[in-house]
Protein backbone atom coordinates (compact mmCIF):
# COMPACT_ATOMS: atom_id res chain seq x y z
CA MET A 1 9.59 -20.93 -8.04
CA ALA A 2 11.24 -20.03 -4.96
CA VAL A 3 11.55 -21.76 -1.85
CA PHE A 4 12.57 -20.09 1.48
CA ARG A 5 14.44 -22.49 4.01
CA LYS A 6 14.00 -21.57 8.06
CA THR A 7 17.16 -20.03 9.08
CA GLY A 8 18.54 -19.27 12.66
CA VAL A 9 16.93 -16.85 15.14
CA PHE A 10 14.56 -14.16 13.67
CA SER A 11 15.51 -10.65 14.69
CA ALA A 12 12.48 -8.78 15.04
CA ILE A 13 12.33 -5.73 13.08
CA ALA A 14 11.77 -2.91 14.88
CA VAL A 15 8.49 -0.22 13.72
CA VAL A 16 7.97 3.18 14.70
CA VAL A 17 4.18 3.65 15.35
CA PHE A 18 3.88 7.46 15.38
CA ALA A 19 0.16 8.17 16.23
CA ILE A 20 -1.26 10.86 18.26
CA PHE A 21 -4.64 11.34 19.71
CA ILE A 22 -6.09 14.55 20.93
CA ALA A 23 -8.96 14.45 22.81
CA GLY A 24 -11.46 16.85 21.25
CA CYS A 25 -9.70 17.58 18.11
CA GLY A 26 -11.07 16.42 15.13
CA SER A 27 -9.47 15.60 11.60
CA GLY A 28 -7.99 18.94 10.74
CA GLU A 29 -8.86 21.05 13.16
CA LYS A 30 -7.37 24.18 14.93
CA THR A 31 -7.41 24.51 18.75
CA GLY A 32 -7.54 28.12 20.53
CA ASP A 33 -3.92 28.63 19.82
CA GLY A 34 -3.82 27.96 16.11
CA LYS A 35 -2.38 24.64 16.48
CA ARG A 36 -3.79 22.61 13.36
CA PHE A 37 -3.86 18.65 13.54
CA LEU A 38 -3.67 16.27 10.39
CA SER A 39 -4.00 13.14 10.50
CA ILE A 40 -2.46 10.11 7.97
CA GLY A 41 -4.68 6.70 7.23
CA THR A 42 -2.47 3.39 7.01
CA ALA A 43 -3.03 0.00 6.93
CA PRO A 44 -3.09 -2.52 10.02
CA PRO A 45 0.47 -3.58 11.64
CA GLY A 46 2.88 -6.25 9.19
CA GLY A 47 2.46 -4.56 5.75
CA ALA A 48 4.62 -1.37 4.20
CA PHE A 49 1.48 1.19 4.49
CA PHE A 50 1.79 0.77 8.22
CA VAL A 51 6.07 1.33 8.17
CA VAL A 52 5.69 3.88 5.14
CA GLY A 53 2.79 5.86 6.55
CA GLY A 54 4.19 6.16 9.63
CA ALA A 55 7.26 7.31 8.38
CA ILE A 56 5.59 10.48 5.91
CA ALA A 57 3.54 11.44 9.11
CA GLN A 58 6.70 11.92 11.14
CA VAL A 59 8.77 13.64 7.95
CA LEU A 60 5.53 15.96 7.58
CA ASP A 61 5.39 16.38 11.86
CA GLN A 62 8.89 17.57 12.04
CA HIS A 63 9.04 19.91 8.61
CA LEU A 64 5.84 21.62 9.72
CA ALA A 65 6.14 22.27 13.44
CA ASP A 66 7.04 25.56 12.36
CA ARG A 67 3.77 26.57 10.90
CA ASN A 68 2.34 24.89 13.89
CA TRP A 69 1.01 21.57 12.32
CA SER A 70 0.93 18.69 13.70
CA VAL A 71 0.76 15.31 11.63
CA SER A 72 0.26 11.88 13.27
CA ALA A 73 -0.50 8.35 11.41
CA GLU A 74 -3.71 6.21 11.88
CA ALA A 75 -4.01 2.46 11.69
CA THR A 76 -6.80 1.66 9.46
CA LYS A 77 -8.08 -1.65 7.67
CA GLY A 78 -6.55 -0.08 4.96
CA THR A 79 -7.30 1.77 1.32
CA GLN A 80 -11.17 1.25 1.31
CA GLU A 81 -11.56 2.09 4.56
CA ASN A 82 -9.21 5.49 3.65
CA ILE A 83 -11.22 6.25 0.80
CA ARG A 84 -14.37 6.21 2.89
CA ARG A 85 -12.63 8.08 5.36
CA LEU A 86 -11.31 10.69 3.84
CA ALA A 87 -14.74 11.46 1.87
CA ALA A 88 -15.96 11.77 5.38
CA GLY A 89 -13.56 14.28 6.36
CA GLU A 90 -12.29 12.03 9.66
CA LEU A 91 -9.03 11.58 7.14
CA ASP A 92 -6.71 14.45 6.14
CA VAL A 93 -4.48 12.40 3.87
CA ALA A 94 -4.04 8.58 3.31
CA MET A 95 -1.96 5.88 2.06
CA ALA A 96 -3.98 4.16 -0.72
CA ASN A 97 -3.19 1.39 -3.41
CA ALA A 98 -3.50 2.75 -6.24
CA ALA A 99 -5.71 -0.20 -8.24
CA ILE A 100 -8.70 0.34 -5.45
CA SER A 101 -8.03 4.23 -6.46
CA TYR A 102 -8.66 3.90 -9.96
CA PHE A 103 -12.15 2.32 -9.63
CA ALA A 104 -13.21 4.48 -6.20
CA VAL A 105 -12.39 7.72 -8.26
CA ARG A 106 -14.87 6.39 -10.82
CA GLY A 107 -17.47 4.58 -9.02
CA GLU A 108 -17.14 1.48 -10.25
CA GLY A 109 -17.76 -1.44 -7.85
CA TRP A 110 -18.32 0.88 -5.56
CA ASP A 111 -21.49 2.65 -4.10
CA LYS A 112 -20.50 5.98 -5.38
CA ALA A 113 -17.57 7.66 -7.09
CA TYR A 114 -14.92 9.11 -4.44
CA PRO A 115 -13.79 12.49 -4.82
CA ILE A 116 -9.90 11.58 -4.18
CA ARG A 117 -6.94 13.19 -5.66
CA THR A 118 -3.50 12.13 -5.36
CA ILE A 119 -0.39 13.69 -4.07
CA ALA A 120 1.91 11.36 -4.75
CA THR A 121 2.65 8.14 -6.16
CA LEU A 122 5.30 6.04 -4.19
CA ALA A 123 6.38 2.45 -4.61
CA PRO A 124 5.47 -0.69 -6.38
CA ASN A 125 2.69 -3.01 -4.34
CA ILE A 126 4.73 -6.58 -5.12
CA ALA A 127 2.08 -9.02 -3.79
CA LEU A 128 1.69 -12.48 -3.98
CA PHE A 129 0.35 -15.72 -2.25
CA ILE A 130 2.40 -17.63 -0.06
CA THR A 131 2.50 -20.63 1.56
CA PRO A 132 4.22 -23.24 4.14
CA ALA A 133 6.47 -25.40 1.87
CA ASP A 134 5.43 -28.94 2.96
CA ASN A 135 1.42 -28.55 2.38
CA GLY A 136 1.57 -29.66 -1.52
CA VAL A 137 0.39 -26.13 -2.57
CA LYS A 138 1.93 -25.25 -5.82
CA VAL A 139 0.15 -23.53 -8.33
CA LEU A 140 -2.58 -20.89 -7.79
CA GLN A 141 -5.12 -23.89 -8.75
CA ASP A 142 -4.15 -25.56 -5.71
CA LEU A 143 -5.61 -23.23 -3.60
CA LYS A 144 -9.13 -24.77 -4.47
CA GLY A 145 -10.62 -26.59 -1.43
CA GLU A 146 -8.46 -24.78 1.00
CA ARG A 147 -8.41 -21.76 3.25
CA VAL A 148 -6.59 -18.59 2.20
CA VAL A 149 -6.19 -15.49 3.62
CA VAL A 150 -7.17 -12.50 1.39
CA GLY A 151 -6.19 -9.78 3.28
CA PRO A 152 -7.97 -7.31 6.13
CA ALA A 153 -11.93 -7.24 5.86
CA GLY A 154 -12.71 -3.87 4.13
CA ALA A 155 -9.49 -3.21 2.59
CA GLY A 156 -10.84 -4.02 -0.81
CA PHE A 157 -7.91 -6.64 -2.08
CA GLU A 158 -10.65 -8.21 -4.16
CA PHE A 159 -10.16 -5.41 -6.48
CA PHE A 160 -6.95 -6.85 -7.94
CA LEU A 161 -7.36 -10.62 -6.28
CA LYS A 162 -10.26 -11.19 -7.99
CA PRO A 163 -8.80 -10.79 -11.23
CA ILE A 164 -5.50 -12.82 -10.49
CA LEU A 165 -7.30 -15.48 -9.36
CA GLU A 166 -10.00 -15.61 -12.49
CA GLU A 167 -6.59 -15.21 -14.78
CA HIS A 168 -5.82 -18.51 -13.42
CA GLY A 169 -9.16 -20.53 -13.51
CA VAL A 170 -9.94 -19.66 -9.66
CA ALA A 171 -12.87 -17.68 -8.14
CA TYR A 172 -13.92 -16.95 -4.76
CA ASP A 173 -16.32 -19.74 -4.37
CA ASP A 174 -13.37 -22.31 -5.05
CA PHE A 175 -11.73 -21.95 -1.76
CA THR A 176 -12.85 -20.34 2.05
CA PRO A 177 -11.59 -16.77 2.00
CA LEU A 178 -10.37 -15.51 5.14
CA ASN A 179 -9.63 -12.06 6.24
CA ASN A 180 -7.10 -11.05 8.49
CA THR A 181 -4.47 -8.40 9.12
CA GLN A 182 -0.57 -9.28 7.63
CA ALA A 183 0.82 -9.59 10.81
CA GLY A 184 -2.43 -12.08 11.80
CA ALA A 185 -2.20 -14.13 8.69
CA VAL A 186 1.38 -15.13 9.24
CA ASP A 187 0.45 -16.48 12.34
CA MET A 188 -2.38 -18.18 10.58
CA LEU A 189 0.41 -19.88 8.21
CA ALA A 190 2.24 -20.69 11.41
CA ASP A 191 -0.24 -22.79 13.29
CA GLY A 192 -1.72 -24.45 10.18
CA SER A 193 -5.49 -22.60 10.33
CA ALA A 194 -4.83 -21.21 6.73
CA ALA A 195 -2.76 -23.08 3.91
CA ALA A 196 -1.68 -19.70 1.95
CA ALA A 197 -2.04 -16.25 2.19
CA PHE A 198 -1.87 -13.18 0.14
CA LEU A 199 1.16 -10.86 1.16
CA GLY A 200 2.94 -7.91 -0.23
CA GLY A 201 3.80 -4.67 -0.75
CA ALA A 202 7.06 -2.42 -0.89
CA VAL A 203 9.50 -4.16 -0.80
CA PRO A 204 10.98 -6.11 1.12
CA THR A 205 8.06 -6.63 3.60
CA ALA A 206 7.82 -7.21 6.62
CA SER A 207 5.39 -9.98 7.11
CA ILE A 208 6.93 -11.96 4.26
CA THR A 209 10.06 -11.38 6.52
CA GLN A 210 8.32 -13.01 9.69
CA ALA A 211 7.28 -15.46 7.76
CA CYS A 212 10.35 -16.64 5.86
CA ALA A 213 12.12 -16.75 9.20
CA GLY A 214 9.73 -18.90 11.10
CA GLN A 215 9.35 -21.78 8.48
CA ASP A 216 10.05 -22.89 5.37
CA ILE A 217 8.06 -20.65 2.70
CA PHE A 218 6.82 -21.20 -0.95
CA PHE A 219 6.14 -18.64 -2.81
CA ILE A 220 3.16 -19.52 -5.44
CA PRO A 221 4.28 -18.52 -8.83
CA PHE A 222 1.85 -16.94 -11.67
CA GLU A 223 1.63 -18.29 -14.89
CA GLU A 224 3.32 -16.17 -17.23
CA SER A 225 0.81 -15.89 -19.81
CA ALA A 226 -1.58 -14.91 -16.95
CA ARG A 227 0.52 -12.21 -16.23
CA GLU A 228 1.55 -10.85 -19.54
CA ARG A 229 -2.97 -10.67 -19.74
CA LEU A 230 -3.20 -9.52 -16.61
CA ILE A 231 -0.62 -6.85 -17.27
CA GLU A 232 -2.25 -5.83 -20.85
CA LYS A 233 -5.92 -5.62 -19.76
CA TYR A 234 -5.26 -3.66 -16.61
CA PRO A 235 -3.33 -0.17 -16.39
CA PHE A 236 -2.92 -0.32 -12.85
CA PHE A 237 -0.72 -3.95 -13.61
CA HIS A 238 2.70 -4.25 -14.08
CA ALA A 239 5.42 -6.88 -14.12
CA ALA A 240 7.58 -6.87 -10.77
CA ARG A 241 10.48 -9.08 -9.45
CA ILE A 242 11.48 -9.63 -6.15
CA PRO A 243 15.27 -9.95 -6.31
CA ALA A 244 17.32 -13.43 -4.89
CA GLY A 245 18.08 -12.87 -1.46
CA THR A 246 15.00 -10.45 -0.69
CA TYR A 247 13.99 -12.36 2.13
CA ARG A 248 15.99 -14.89 4.67
CA GLY A 249 17.04 -18.15 2.67
CA GLN A 250 16.00 -16.87 -0.87
CA GLU A 251 17.60 -18.21 -3.81
CA ALA A 252 15.72 -17.45 -6.69
CA GLU A 253 14.67 -14.39 -7.91
CA TYR A 254 10.82 -14.13 -7.97
CA GLN A 255 8.52 -13.11 -10.80
CA GLY A 256 5.92 -11.32 -9.78
CA LEU A 257 3.06 -8.49 -10.11
CA ASN A 258 2.91 -5.10 -9.32
CA VAL A 259 -0.85 -5.11 -8.00
CA GLY A 260 -1.48 -1.71 -7.83
CA SER A 261 1.21 1.30 -6.65
CA MET A 262 0.93 2.72 -3.31
CA HIS A 263 -0.09 6.27 -3.69
CA LEU A 264 -0.17 9.09 -0.99
CA ILE A 265 -4.08 10.57 -1.56
CA THR A 266 -6.00 13.85 0.21
CA ARG A 267 -9.67 14.61 -0.06
CA ALA A 268 -10.35 17.01 -3.45
CA ASP A 269 -11.45 19.59 -1.17
CA LEU A 270 -8.46 20.03 0.51
CA ASP A 271 -7.29 23.69 0.06
CA GLU A 272 -4.84 23.97 -1.91
CA GLU A 273 -2.23 25.68 0.36
CA THR A 274 -2.20 23.13 2.46
CA VAL A 275 -1.33 20.02 0.12
CA TYR A 276 1.20 22.27 -1.40
CA GLN A 277 2.85 22.53 1.91
CA LEU A 278 2.64 18.66 2.84
CA THR A 279 3.56 18.09 -1.15
CA LYS A 280 6.24 20.05 -0.42
CA ALA A 281 8.02 19.33 2.90
CA LEU A 282 7.21 15.47 1.89
CA TYR A 283 9.31 15.89 -1.35
CA GLU A 284 12.01 17.96 0.19
CA ASN A 285 12.59 15.39 2.58
CA ARG A 286 12.00 12.27 1.08
CA GLU A 287 15.72 10.89 1.82
CA GLU A 288 14.21 10.55 5.81
CA VAL A 289 11.34 8.91 4.75
CA VAL A 290 14.34 5.85 2.92
CA LYS A 291 16.06 5.84 6.25
CA GLN A 292 13.02 4.25 7.72
CA HIS A 293 11.99 1.86 4.68
CA PRO A 294 13.47 1.89 1.15
CA ALA A 295 10.07 2.87 -0.33
CA GLY A 296 11.25 6.01 0.16
CA LYS A 297 13.17 5.72 -2.93
CA ALA A 298 10.20 6.23 -4.88
CA ILE A 299 9.12 9.59 -3.97
CA ASN A 300 11.90 10.62 -7.07
CA PRO A 301 11.58 13.18 -10.54
CA GLN A 302 10.26 10.38 -12.48
CA ASN A 303 8.08 8.82 -10.23
CA ALA A 304 6.13 11.05 -8.31
CA ILE A 305 4.19 12.22 -10.43
CA ARG A 306 3.51 9.06 -12.71
CA ASP A 307 -0.11 9.21 -13.63
CA THR A 308 -1.94 5.70 -12.11
CA GLY A 309 -5.61 7.26 -12.78
CA THR A 310 -6.63 9.24 -10.25
CA PRO A 311 -6.06 12.91 -10.68
CA PHE A 312 -3.66 14.79 -8.73
CA HIS A 313 -4.57 17.84 -6.44
CA PRO A 314 -4.19 20.91 -7.99
CA GLY A 315 -2.17 21.83 -4.69
CA ALA A 316 0.39 18.96 -5.79
CA ILE A 317 0.32 19.95 -8.79
CA ARG A 318 1.17 23.53 -8.32
CA PHE A 319 4.58 22.05 -6.31
CA TYR A 320 5.48 19.72 -9.05
CA LYS A 321 5.20 22.72 -11.61
CA GLU A 322 6.85 25.17 -9.27
CA ILE A 323 10.13 22.66 -9.10
CA GLY A 324 9.91 21.87 -13.03
CA ILE A 325 8.86 18.01 -13.01
CA TRP A 326 5.36 18.51 -13.84
CA PRO A 327 4.92 16.98 -17.79
CA ALA A 328 2.44 19.25 -19.65
CA GLU A 329 0.67 16.43 -21.07
CA ASN A 330 0.18 14.40 -17.90
CA SER A 331 -3.47 12.92 -18.07
CA GLY A 332 -3.73 12.81 -14.08
CA ALA A 333 -3.75 16.63 -13.39
CA ASP A 334 -7.35 17.67 -11.91
CA SER A 335 -9.45 19.00 -14.63
CA GLU A 336 -11.89 20.49 -11.94
């Protein structure tokens, strides 16, 4: 268990928002001068998807300018909205949680199977429940009867939250679930309108940094036996840790969960050459992503091609084969 103590004045985290709105130009469309506009769906401000997605868009925009392409990032409600908008042709590329994508591509818990494909596997999504240290919530079972922020409406957090809670003997009906962004959740913890919030992403996560700076924060622990069962039962859960000192005042290592790695996905029908060029530009300039968020370090030969259950796009596979890192036995290849 880890308690976080209030420290001095909080230094604001500078987040570069890369958003371009072009009147009359839809996703992936070309203008009369041949310029092509591509959009990347991210998530609400406060989480790592927003920052990392913006960094990826900026890198791609800079390094695909010679092809007369303009790439921009768009704040969305998160993975679930991104997947639906990819299928509708409103986005070209999107950040997503691999656990949610896993079910979407199979049509499990969705209205249909969604034709999405992976471009690259990115950083682990390490998420947990946090609470003000003085409100008495010490284990997940203490959430019963409380008001708890469970993520933005429509983001799809229930795909990994419900299994976590069930393994700890807690159901959604046991508490009052509240929907808000990660930044909004921090405000609700600060003013007492919520007893706990489920926050996370790539480490460090801006919203958790903000929460720990504003008040004493307690990280609610997972039961070790429940954590082990989750890892055994679901392919998208993995053991993860938050090293001591990651957040202000942190005194001990936190034994957490990767609740589904972030990954970069696209529409199955986006042409192979476009995805090849996007993958190539991102991979060859990955150090520029790292400058904006440590999650960029996950764009490496071992992790980028890791199979999380959503098939890779042929354009991405083509690039990975070209540089010699695509394993012949990778079951994540697109079979279509």
